PDB file of all heavy atoms in Angstrom:
ATOM      1  N   LEU A   1      63.560 125.038 142.572  1.00  0.00           N
ATOM      2  CA  LEU A   1      63.606 126.468 142.267  1.00  0.00           C
ATOM      3  C   LEU A   1      62.468 127.243 142.922  1.00  0.00           C
ATOM      4  O   LEU A   1      62.683 128.321 143.499  1.00  0.00           O
ATOM      5  CB  LEU A   1      63.546 126.679 140.756  1.00  0.00           C
ATOM      6  CG  LEU A   1      64.824 126.430 139.956  1.00  0.00           C
ATOM      7  CD1 LEU A   1      64.502 126.365 138.470  1.00  0.00           C
ATOM      8  CD2 LEU A   1      65.854 127.509 140.244  1.00  0.00           C
ATOM      9  N   PHE A   2      61.241 126.718 142.840  1.00  0.00           N
ATOM     10  CA  PHE A   2      60.064 127.542 143.102  1.00  0.00           C
ATOM     11  C   PHE A   2      59.240 127.168 144.331  1.00  0.00           C
ATOM     12  O   PHE A   2      58.288 127.887 144.662  1.00  0.00           O
ATOM     13  CB  PHE A   2      59.149 127.519 141.873  1.00  0.00           C
ATOM     14  CG  PHE A   2      59.817 127.978 140.610  1.00  0.00           C
ATOM     15  CD1 PHE A   2      60.055 127.090 139.559  1.00  0.00           C
ATOM     16  CD2 PHE A   2      60.223 129.289 140.462  1.00  0.00           C
ATOM     17  CE1 PHE A   2      60.673 127.510 138.395  1.00  0.00           C
ATOM     18  CE2 PHE A   2      60.845 129.726 139.296  1.00  0.00           C
ATOM     19  CZ  PHE A   2      61.073 128.830 138.270  1.00  0.00           C
ATOM     20  N   ALA A   3      59.592 126.095 145.020  1.00  0.00           N
ATOM     21  CA  ALA A   3      58.742 125.618 146.120  1.00  0.00           C
ATOM     22  C   ALA A   3      58.580 126.642 147.225  1.00  0.00           C
ATOM     23  O   ALA A   3      57.556 126.652 147.928  1.00  0.00           O
ATOM     24  CB  ALA A   3      59.297 124.313 146.688  1.00  0.00           C
ATOM     25  N   ASP A   4      59.549 127.537 147.410  1.00  0.00           N
ATOM     26  CA  ASP A   4      59.493 128.521 148.502  1.00  0.00           C
ATOM     27  C   ASP A   4      58.723 129.784 148.130  1.00  0.00           C
ATOM     28  O   ASP A   4      58.631 130.702 148.954  1.00  0.00           O
ATOM     29  CB  ASP A   4      60.909 128.905 148.942  1.00  0.00           C
ATOM     30  CG  ASP A   4      61.630 127.749 149.614  1.00  0.00           C
ATOM     31  OD1 ASP A   4      60.939 126.841 150.126  1.00  0.00           O
ATOM     32  OD2 ASP A   4      62.873 127.751 149.621  1.00  0.00           O
ATOM     33  N   TYR A   5      58.173 129.830 146.915  1.00  0.00           N
ATOM     34  CA  TYR A   5      57.506 131.048 146.452  1.00  0.00           C
ATOM     35  C   TYR A   5      56.017 130.802 146.245  1.00  0.00           C
ATOM     36  O   TYR A   5      55.631 129.937 145.470  1.00  0.00           O
ATOM     37  CB  TYR A   5      58.162 131.543 145.150  1.00  0.00           C
ATOM     38  CG  TYR A   5      59.532 132.112 145.415  1.00  0.00           C
ATOM     39  CD1 TYR A   5      60.633 131.262 145.515  1.00  0.00           C
ATOM     40  CD2 TYR A   5      59.721 133.465 145.632  1.00  0.00           C
ATOM     41  CE1 TYR A   5      61.892 131.756 145.816  1.00  0.00           C
ATOM     42  CE2 TYR A   5      60.983 133.973 145.918  1.00  0.00           C
ATOM     43  CZ  TYR A   5      62.061 133.122 146.005  1.00  0.00           C
ATOM     44  OH  TYR A   5      63.307 133.619 146.310  1.00  0.00           O
ATOM     45  N   PRO A   6      55.173 131.562 146.934  1.00  0.00           N
ATOM     46  CA  PRO A   6      53.728 131.348 146.826  1.00  0.00           C
ATOM     47  C   PRO A   6      53.144 131.790 145.491  1.00  0.00           C
ATOM     48  O   PRO A   6      52.053 131.362 145.122  1.00  0.00           O
ATOM     49  CB  PRO A   6      53.156 132.170 147.974  1.00  0.00           C
ATOM     50  CG  PRO A   6      54.179 133.222 148.243  1.00  0.00           C
ATOM     51  CD  PRO A   6      55.502 132.595 147.936  1.00  0.00           C
ATOM     52  N   ILE A   7      53.874 132.647 144.759  1.00  0.00           N
ATOM     53  CA  ILE A   7      53.405 133.137 143.458  1.00  0.00           C
ATOM     54  C   ILE A   7      54.540 133.001 142.452  1.00  0.00           C
ATOM     55  O   ILE A   7      55.669 133.429 142.715  1.00  0.00           O
ATOM     56  CB  ILE A   7      52.953 134.604 143.525  1.00  0.00           C
ATOM     57  CG1 ILE A   7      51.873 134.800 144.584  1.00  0.00           C
ATOM     58  CG2 ILE A   7      52.452 135.075 142.159  1.00  0.00           C
ATOM     59  CD1 ILE A   7      51.539 136.256 144.842  1.00  0.00           C
ATOM     60  N   VAL A   8      54.239 132.411 141.294  1.00  0.00           N
ATOM     61  CA  VAL A   8      55.215 132.312 140.209  1.00  0.00           C
ATOM     62  C   VAL A   8      54.602 132.896 138.945  1.00  0.00           C
ATOM     63  O   VAL A   8      53.502 132.510 138.541  1.00  0.00           O
ATOM     64  CB  VAL A   8      55.625 130.848 139.941  1.00  0.00           C
ATOM     65  CG1 VAL A   8      56.576 130.768 138.743  1.00  0.00           C
ATOM     66  CG2 VAL A   8      56.286 130.242 141.174  1.00  0.00           C
ATOM     67  N   CYS A   9      55.323 133.818 138.329  1.00  0.00           N
ATOM     68  CA  CYS A   9      54.916 134.353 137.030  1.00  0.00           C
ATOM     69  C   CYS A   9      55.597 133.545 135.935  1.00  0.00           C
ATOM     70  O   CYS A   9      56.835 133.529 135.851  1.00  0.00           O
ATOM     71  CB  CYS A   9      55.310 135.823 136.903  1.00  0.00           C
ATOM     72  SG  CYS A   9      54.371 136.937 137.950  1.00  0.00           S
ATOM     73  N   GLU A  10      54.808 132.878 135.113  1.00  0.00           N
ATOM     74  CA  GLU A  10      55.347 132.147 133.959  1.00  0.00           C
ATOM     75  C   GLU A  10      55.518 133.136 132.830  1.00  0.00           C
ATOM     76  O   GLU A  10      54.561 133.787 132.407  1.00  0.00           O
ATOM     77  CB  GLU A  10      54.390 131.020 133.580  1.00  0.00           C
ATOM     78  CG  GLU A  10      54.820 130.224 132.359  1.00  0.00           C
ATOM     79  CD  GLU A  10      54.522 130.936 131.053  1.00  0.00           C
ATOM     80  OE1 GLU A  10      53.369 131.361 130.871  1.00  0.00           O
ATOM     81  OE2 GLU A  10      55.458 131.077 130.229  1.00  0.00           O
ATOM     82  N   ALA A  11      56.748 133.249 132.306  1.00  0.00           N
ATOM     83  CA  ALA A  11      57.022 134.259 131.283  1.00  0.00           C
ATOM     84  C   ALA A  11      57.953 133.694 130.215  1.00  0.00           C
ATOM     85  O   ALA A  11      58.829 134.399 129.705  1.00  0.00           O
ATOM     86  CB  ALA A  11      57.624 135.512 131.930  1.00  0.00           C
ATOM     87  N   PHE A  12      57.794 132.437 129.870  1.00  0.00           N
ATOM     88  CA  PHE A  12      58.612 131.809 128.843  1.00  0.00           C
ATOM     89  C   PHE A  12      58.136 132.223 127.450  1.00  0.00           C
ATOM     90  O   PHE A  12      57.037 132.739 127.273  1.00  0.00           O
ATOM     91  CB  PHE A  12      58.564 130.286 128.972  1.00  0.00           C
ATOM     92  CG  PHE A  12      59.339 129.747 130.146  1.00  0.00           C
ATOM     93  CD1 PHE A  12      59.097 128.466 130.612  1.00  0.00           C
ATOM     94  CD2 PHE A  12      60.303 130.502 130.768  1.00  0.00           C
ATOM     95  CE1 PHE A  12      59.814 127.949 131.679  1.00  0.00           C
ATOM     96  CE2 PHE A  12      61.021 130.008 131.844  1.00  0.00           C
ATOM     97  CZ  PHE A  12      60.779 128.732 132.305  1.00  0.00           C
ATOM     98  N   ASP A  13      58.972 131.928 126.454  1.00  0.00           N
ATOM     99  CA  ASP A  13      58.661 132.258 125.068  1.00  0.00           C
ATOM    100  C   ASP A  13      57.920 131.125 124.356  1.00  0.00           C
ATOM    101  O   ASP A  13      56.903 131.346 123.707  1.00  0.00           O
ATOM    102  CB  ASP A  13      59.945 132.581 124.285  1.00  0.00           C
ATOM    103  CG  ASP A  13      60.601 133.862 124.762  1.00  0.00           C
ATOM    104  OD1 ASP A  13      59.881 134.753 125.243  1.00  0.00           O
ATOM    105  OD2 ASP A  13      61.838 133.965 124.656  1.00  0.00           O
ATOM    106  N   ARG A  14      58.453 129.913 124.465  1.00  0.00           N
ATOM    107  CA  ARG A  14      57.937 128.793 123.673  1.00  0.00           C
ATOM    108  C   ARG A  14      56.711 128.165 124.315  1.00  0.00           C
ATOM    109  O   ARG A  14      56.673 127.935 125.528  1.00  0.00           O
ATOM    110  CB  ARG A  14      59.032 127.748 123.514  1.00  0.00           C
ATOM    111  CG  ARG A  14      60.150 128.169 122.598  1.00  0.00           C
ATOM    112  CD  ARG A  14      61.329 127.210 122.664  1.00  0.00           C
ATOM    113  NE  ARG A  14      60.934 125.812 122.777  1.00  0.00           N
ATOM    114  CZ  ARG A  14      61.805 124.824 123.002  1.00  0.00           C
ATOM    115  NH1 ARG A  14      63.088 125.097 123.145  1.00  0.00           N
ATOM    116  NH2 ARG A  14      61.373 123.572 123.100  1.00  0.00           N
ATOM    117  N   PRO A  15      55.681 127.852 123.515  1.00  0.00           N
ATOM    118  CA  PRO A  15      54.461 127.246 124.055  1.00  0.00           C
ATOM    119  C   PRO A  15      54.718 125.944 124.817  1.00  0.00           C
ATOM    120  O   PRO A  15      54.094 125.692 125.848  1.00  0.00           O
ATOM    121  CB  PRO A  15      53.608 126.995 122.810  1.00  0.00           C
ATOM    122  CG  PRO A  15      54.067 128.009 121.821  1.00  0.00           C
ATOM    123  CD  PRO A  15      55.534 128.163 122.070  1.00  0.00           C
ATOM    124  N   ASP A  16      55.640 125.103 124.324  1.00  0.00           N
ATOM    125  CA  ASP A  16      55.889 123.840 125.017  1.00  0.00           C
ATOM    126  C   ASP A  16      56.525 124.063 126.381  1.00  0.00           C
ATOM    127  O   ASP A  16      56.229 123.342 127.351  1.00  0.00           O
ATOM    128  CB  ASP A  16      56.753 122.914 124.155  1.00  0.00           C
ATOM    129  CG  ASP A  16      58.118 123.499 123.840  1.00  0.00           C
ATOM    130  OD1 ASP A  16      58.231 124.735 123.711  1.00  0.00           O
ATOM    131  OD2 ASP A  16      59.088 122.719 123.715  1.00  0.00           O
ATOM    132  N   GLN A  17      57.392 125.075 126.468  1.00  0.00           N
ATOM    133  CA  GLN A  17      58.015 125.378 127.755  1.00  0.00           C
ATOM    134  C   GLN A  17      57.012 126.002 128.725  1.00  0.00           C
ATOM    135  O   GLN A  17      57.040 125.740 129.936  1.00  0.00           O
ATOM    136  CB  GLN A  17      59.209 126.307 127.553  1.00  0.00           C
ATOM    137  CG  GLN A  17      60.379 125.665 126.839  1.00  0.00           C
ATOM    138  CD  GLN A  17      60.940 124.492 127.623  1.00  0.00           C
ATOM    139  OE1 GLN A  17      61.348 124.629 128.763  1.00  0.00           O
ATOM    140  NE2 GLN A  17      60.945 123.311 127.004  1.00  0.00           N
ATOM    141  N   LYS A  18      56.116 126.834 128.194  1.00  0.00           N
ATOM    142  CA  LYS A  18      55.053 127.394 129.029  1.00  0.00           C
ATOM    143  C   LYS A  18      54.199 126.278 129.627  1.00  0.00           C
ATOM    144  O   LYS A  18      53.925 126.252 130.827  1.00  0.00           O
ATOM    145  CB  LYS A  18      54.167 128.333 128.192  1.00  0.00           C
ATOM    146  CG  LYS A  18      54.793 129.671 127.833  1.00  0.00           C
ATOM    147  CD  LYS A  18      53.852 130.455 126.930  1.00  0.00           C
ATOM    148  CE  LYS A  18      54.321 131.866 126.720  1.00  0.00           C
ATOM    149  NZ  LYS A  18      54.196 132.686 127.937  1.00  0.00           N
ATOM    150  N   ALA A  19      53.777 125.360 128.760  1.00  0.00           N
ATOM    151  CA  ALA A  19      52.916 124.267 129.208  1.00  0.00           C
ATOM    152  C   ALA A  19      53.639 123.394 130.230  1.00  0.00           C
ATOM    153  O   ALA A  19      53.042 122.957 131.230  1.00  0.00           O
ATOM    154  CB  ALA A  19      52.474 123.433 128.005  1.00  0.00           C
ATOM    155  N   MET A  20      54.934 123.135 129.988  1.00  0.00           N
ATOM    156  CA  MET A  20      55.709 122.313 130.918  1.00  0.00           C
ATOM    157  C   MET A  20      55.757 122.954 132.292  1.00  0.00           C
ATOM    158  O   MET A  20      55.496 122.299 133.314  1.00  0.00           O
ATOM    159  CB  MET A  20      57.128 122.119 130.381  1.00  0.00           C
ATOM    160  CG  MET A  20      58.049 121.303 131.301  1.00  0.00           C
ATOM    161  SD  MET A  20      58.841 122.262 132.652  1.00  0.00           S
ATOM    162  CE  MET A  20      59.908 123.365 131.702  1.00  0.00           C
ATOM    163  N   LEU A  21      56.074 124.253 132.347  1.00  0.00           N
ATOM    164  CA  LEU A  21      56.218 124.913 133.648  1.00  0.00           C
ATOM    165  C   LEU A  21      54.893 124.965 134.399  1.00  0.00           C
ATOM    166  O   LEU A  21      54.833 124.676 135.599  1.00  0.00           O
ATOM    167  CB  LEU A  21      56.787 126.316 133.476  1.00  0.00           C
ATOM    168  CG  LEU A  21      56.995 127.079 134.790  1.00  0.00           C
ATOM    169  CD1 LEU A  21      57.925 126.327 135.722  1.00  0.00           C
ATOM    170  CD2 LEU A  21      57.512 128.487 134.525  1.00  0.00           C
ATOM    171  N   VAL A  22      53.826 125.330 133.699  1.00  0.00           N
ATOM    172  CA  VAL A  22      52.518 125.388 134.357  1.00  0.00           C
ATOM    173  C   VAL A  22      52.139 124.017 134.889  1.00  0.00           C
ATOM    174  O   VAL A  22      51.709 123.877 136.043  1.00  0.00           O
ATOM    175  CB  VAL A  22      51.446 125.926 133.380  1.00  0.00           C
ATOM    176  CG1 VAL A  22      50.051 125.753 133.976  1.00  0.00           C
ATOM    177  CG2 VAL A  22      51.710 127.393 133.059  1.00  0.00           C
ATOM    178  N   ARG A  23      52.304 123.006 134.069  1.00  0.00           N
ATOM    179  CA  ARG A  23      51.956 121.633 134.490  1.00  0.00           C
ATOM    180  C   ARG A  23      52.758 121.206 135.712  1.00  0.00           C
ATOM    181  O   ARG A  23      52.211 120.702 136.703  1.00  0.00           O
ATOM    182  CB  ARG A  23      52.210 120.674 133.335  1.00  0.00           C
ATOM    183  CG  ARG A  23      51.870 119.218 133.660  1.00  0.00           C
ATOM    184  CD  ARG A  23      52.277 118.288 132.536  1.00  0.00           C
ATOM    185  NE  ARG A  23      53.723 118.201 132.382  1.00  0.00           N
ATOM    186  CZ  ARG A  23      54.383 118.629 131.310  1.00  0.00           C
ATOM    187  NH1 ARG A  23      53.741 119.181 130.291  1.00  0.00           N
ATOM    188  NH2 ARG A  23      55.706 118.525 131.243  1.00  0.00           N
ATOM    189  N   GLU A  24      54.066 121.434 135.668  1.00  0.00           N
ATOM    190  CA  GLU A  24      54.925 120.970 136.763  1.00  0.00           C
ATOM    191  C   GLU A  24      54.704 121.772 138.035  1.00  0.00           C
ATOM    192  O   GLU A  24      54.750 121.223 139.143  1.00  0.00           O
ATOM    193  CB  GLU A  24      56.397 121.031 136.333  1.00  0.00           C
ATOM    194  CG  GLU A  24      56.742 120.123 135.172  1.00  0.00           C
ATOM    195  CD  GLU A  24      56.451 118.649 135.460  1.00  0.00           C
ATOM    196  OE1 GLU A  24      56.553 118.232 136.631  1.00  0.00           O
ATOM    197  OE2 GLU A  24      56.115 117.916 134.506  1.00  0.00           O
ATOM    198  N   LEU A  25      54.452 123.060 137.915  1.00  0.00           N
ATOM    199  CA  LEU A  25      54.174 123.862 139.109  1.00  0.00           C
ATOM    200  C   LEU A  25      52.883 123.417 139.778  1.00  0.00           C
ATOM    201  O   LEU A  25      52.829 123.259 141.007  1.00  0.00           O
ATOM    202  CB  LEU A  25      54.086 125.344 138.741  1.00  0.00           C
ATOM    203  CG  LEU A  25      55.411 126.063 138.497  1.00  0.00           C
ATOM    204  CD1 LEU A  25      55.158 127.450 137.902  1.00  0.00           C
ATOM    205  CD2 LEU A  25      56.211 126.188 139.790  1.00  0.00           C
ATOM    206  N   LEU A  26      51.839 123.207 138.986  1.00  0.00           N
ATOM    207  CA  LEU A  26      50.557 122.796 139.560  1.00  0.00           C
ATOM    208  C   LEU A  26      50.651 121.410 140.185  1.00  0.00           C
ATOM    209  O   LEU A  26      49.948 121.110 141.161  1.00  0.00           O
ATOM    210  CB  LEU A  26      49.473 122.829 138.493  1.00  0.00           C
ATOM    211  CG  LEU A  26      49.114 124.221 137.937  1.00  0.00           C
ATOM    212  CD1 LEU A  26      48.076 124.100 136.830  1.00  0.00           C
ATOM    213  CD2 LEU A  26      48.616 125.152 139.036  1.00  0.00           C
ATOM    214  N   THR A  27      51.543 120.583 139.648  1.00  0.00           N
ATOM    215  CA  THR A  27      51.693 119.220 140.162  1.00  0.00           C
ATOM    216  C   THR A  27      52.652 119.157 141.349  1.00  0.00           C
ATOM    217  O   THR A  27      52.335 118.581 142.394  1.00  0.00           O
ATOM    218  CB  THR A  27      52.198 118.281 139.052  1.00  0.00           C
ATOM    219  OG1 THR A  27      51.283 118.308 137.958  1.00  0.00           O
ATOM    220  CG2 THR A  27      52.327 116.859 139.559  1.00  0.00           C
ATOM    221  N   GLN A  28      53.822 119.771 141.193  1.00  0.00           N
ATOM    222  CA  GLN A  28      54.866 119.652 142.211  1.00  0.00           C
ATOM    223  C   GLN A  28      54.736 120.678 143.330  1.00  0.00           C
ATOM    224  O   GLN A  28      55.238 120.449 144.439  1.00  0.00           O
ATOM    225  CB  GLN A  28      56.248 119.782 141.561  1.00  0.00           C
ATOM    226  CG  GLN A  28      56.568 118.722 140.530  1.00  0.00           C
ATOM    227  CD  GLN A  28      58.008 118.799 140.077  1.00  0.00           C
ATOM    228  OE1 GLN A  28      58.928 119.016 140.863  1.00  0.00           O
ATOM    229  NE2 GLN A  28      58.219 118.625 138.770  1.00  0.00           N
ATOM    230  N   CYS A  29      54.113 121.812 143.044  1.00  0.00           N
ATOM    231  CA  CYS A  29      53.966 122.885 144.038  1.00  0.00           C
ATOM    232  C   CYS A  29      52.476 123.247 144.110  1.00  0.00           C
ATOM    233  O   CYS A  29      52.068 124.337 143.667  1.00  0.00           O
ATOM    234  CB  CYS A  29      54.792 124.103 143.654  1.00  0.00           C
ATOM    235  SG  CYS A  29      56.541 123.746 143.314  1.00  0.00           S
ATOM    236  N   PRO A  30      51.644 122.361 144.649  1.00  0.00           N
ATOM    237  CA  PRO A  30      50.188 122.528 144.556  1.00  0.00           C
ATOM    238  C   PRO A  30      49.632 123.744 145.282  1.00  0.00           C
ATOM    239  O   PRO A  30      48.515 124.155 144.993  1.00  0.00           O
ATOM    240  CB  PRO A  30      49.652 121.224 145.161  1.00  0.00           C
ATOM    241  CG  PRO A  30      50.757 120.710 146.021  1.00  0.00           C
ATOM    242  CD  PRO A  30      52.021 121.115 145.332  1.00  0.00           C
ATOM    243  N   ASP A  31      50.398 124.331 146.190  1.00  0.00           N
ATOM    244  CA  ASP A  31      49.924 125.523 146.902  1.00  0.00           C
ATOM    245  C   ASP A  31      50.368 126.822 146.242  1.00  0.00           C
ATOM    246  O   ASP A  31      50.018 127.907 146.712  1.00  0.00           O
ATOM    247  CB  ASP A  31      50.414 125.493 148.355  1.00  0.00           C
ATOM    248  CG  ASP A  31      49.801 124.343 149.143  1.00  0.00           C
ATOM    249  OD1 ASP A  31      48.641 123.989 148.852  1.00  0.00           O
ATOM    250  OD2 ASP A  31      50.485 123.796 150.029  1.00  0.00           O
ATOM    251  N   THR A  32      51.150 126.700 145.175  1.00  0.00           N
ATOM    252  CA  THR A  32      51.658 127.883 144.475  1.00  0.00           C
ATOM    253  C   THR A  32      50.638 128.380 143.460  1.00  0.00           C
ATOM    254  O   THR A  32      50.031 127.597 142.737  1.00  0.00           O
ATOM    255  CB  THR A  32      52.979 127.541 143.761  1.00  0.00           C
ATOM    256  OG1 THR A  32      53.973 127.233 144.736  1.00  0.00           O
ATOM    257  CG2 THR A  32      53.464 128.712 142.905  1.00  0.00           C
ATOM    258  N   THR A  33      50.467 129.686 143.418  1.00  0.00           N
ATOM    259  CA  THR A  33      49.605 130.306 142.408  1.00  0.00           C
ATOM    260  C   THR A  33      50.452 130.676 141.198  1.00  0.00           C
ATOM    261  O   THR A  33      51.496 131.317 141.329  1.00  0.00           O
ATOM    262  CB  THR A  33      48.918 131.560 142.958  1.00  0.00           C
ATOM    263  OG1 THR A  33      48.030 131.177 144.017  1.00  0.00           O
ATOM    264  CG2 THR A  33      48.113 132.272 141.874  1.00  0.00           C
ATOM    265  N   VAL A  34      50.013 130.259 140.019  1.00  0.00           N
ATOM    266  CA  VAL A  34      50.737 130.506 138.771  1.00  0.00           C
ATOM    267  C   VAL A  34      50.008 131.585 137.981  1.00  0.00           C
ATOM    268  O   VAL A  34      48.798 131.490 137.746  1.00  0.00           O
ATOM    269  CB  VAL A  34      50.842 129.223 137.930  1.00  0.00           C
ATOM    270  CG1 VAL A  34      51.643 129.482 136.658  1.00  0.00           C
ATOM    271  CG2 VAL A  34      51.468 128.099 138.753  1.00  0.00           C
ATOM    272  N   VAL A  35      50.745 132.611 137.550  1.00  0.00           N
ATOM    273  CA  VAL A  35      50.210 133.664 136.693  1.00  0.00           C
ATOM    274  C   VAL A  35      50.960 133.580 135.370  1.00  0.00           C
ATOM    275  O   VAL A  35      52.147 133.903 135.290  1.00  0.00           O
ATOM    276  CB  VAL A  35      50.372 135.055 137.332  1.00  0.00           C
ATOM    277  CG1 VAL A  35      49.722 136.125 136.437  1.00  0.00           C
ATOM    278  CG2 VAL A  35      49.764 135.088 138.730  1.00  0.00           C
ATOM    279  N   SER A  36      50.261 133.132 134.338  1.00  0.00           N
ATOM    280  CA  SER A  36      50.890 132.815 133.058  1.00  0.00           C
ATOM    281  C   SER A  36      50.513 133.839 131.991  1.00  0.00           C
ATOM    282  O   SER A  36      49.455 134.462 132.055  1.00  0.00           O
ATOM    283  CB  SER A  36      50.448 131.412 132.614  1.00  0.00           C
ATOM    284  OG  SER A  36      50.996 131.069 131.360  1.00  0.00           O
ATOM    285  N   GLY A  37      51.398 133.990 131.000  1.00  0.00           N
ATOM    286  CA  GLY A  37      51.125 134.874 129.869  1.00  0.00           C
ATOM    287  C   GLY A  37      50.889 134.071 128.610  1.00  0.00           C
ATOM    288  O   GLY A  37      51.664 133.170 128.291  1.00  0.00           O
ATOM    289  N   ASN A  38      49.820 134.412 127.862  1.00  0.00           N
ATOM    290  CA  ASN A  38      49.489 133.632 126.665  1.00  0.00           C
ATOM    291  C   ASN A  38      48.727 134.514 125.684  1.00  0.00           C
ATOM    292  O   ASN A  38      47.552 134.810 125.881  1.00  0.00           O
ATOM    293  CB  ASN A  38      48.644 132.418 127.049  1.00  0.00           C
ATOM    294  CG  ASN A  38      48.316 131.536 125.853  1.00  0.00           C
ATOM    295  OD1 ASN A  38      48.712 131.817 124.730  1.00  0.00           O
ATOM    296  ND2 ASN A  38      47.583 130.472 126.102  1.00  0.00           N
ATOM    297  N   GLY A  39      49.425 134.957 124.619  1.00  0.00           N
ATOM    298  CA  GLY A  39      48.774 135.747 123.569  1.00  0.00           C
ATOM    299  C   GLY A  39      48.977 137.230 123.740  1.00  0.00           C
ATOM    300  O   GLY A  39      48.162 137.895 124.365  1.00  0.00           O
TER     301      GLY A  39
END
């Protein structure tokens, strides 16, 4: 889904899904910058 995008905004609702996406993006797409929402 996201390998072709240099910036991904994480905007999920559930904390476990947020953590999953951030973890997998940083691991699988190491050159991608993640901007996450929390709180």
